[in-house]
């Protein structure tokens, strides 16, 4: 998801939750892509997620995030191959640690989630076989993934990254308490930016009722951090495909990201009720525009 990295000095928000709080959050995502100056249309994807506060921890919370069924607006049929994958992952439950250090994926239900990923891999493998697009290299890559899943020490970090990418979270690795964790891109009320970019923030101002904050942020991809974020994915590539790394890094070096947004906040309850993000990503004469909206449903 597009990053909402609150800078406490810019947006002085003090979130307040208690154990047992349950929220339903509506997520709406729209993306339009421009290639060589031509912009193509795209539908809006919507889904509801149930968020439950499980624990209060030092300087943060543990929450459960369960994503519901995705739908398209205007209504239309998903491509059959995508519909199968979405069906596998509907109602998957993640536990997240929300803290000033970041939003960390905590895989406690590893068996359930790894089985879902294996189903996804098998489905992809069958699609490639039926369309005659599988190669020795892709079959080898799939076997590597299966081997990594079989070993929890390699399976957990891979699972976290694959799931995060599938759901549009994305993020970065960071060291916490001597362990490698994965910080994902969700609106973090404490702040912290997981995207591998250098940022310039500007607070535009509060609304008259002091409940809506407007902000803008310009991001430029950080080459070193971007390379780090590719490392695990590159383990799935065969030596002949490593050139993809250089191509991705070259593209990243010319990429600029402009993010603007609004945040509706109830100061009396400490609840963030709406987050709206517009992100423009450009590289030369191509790029894409994404808009995201999270709405707290009572």
Foldseek 3Di string as FASTA:
>chain_A
DAFAFDDCVQPVFDADDDAFDKWKKKKKKAKWWFDLQDIDHDWIKIWIWIKGFHDADVQWTKIKIFIAQIATVVGDDDDPLVVVLSVLRGRDIWIWTAHLAAIFTDDPPLVSLLVSVVVNLVSVVVVCVVVVNDDPLLVQLSVVLVVLCVDCVSNVVVSVQVVLVVVVFHFAWDDDPNDITTHTRDNRSSGDTRAQWDKDKDWPDADPVRFKTKIKMKTQHDLVRVLRSCVSVCVSGDPVPCVVSVVVSVQSNQKIKIKIWMWGADRVNSDTAKIWMWMWIDGPSITMIMIMMMGIDD
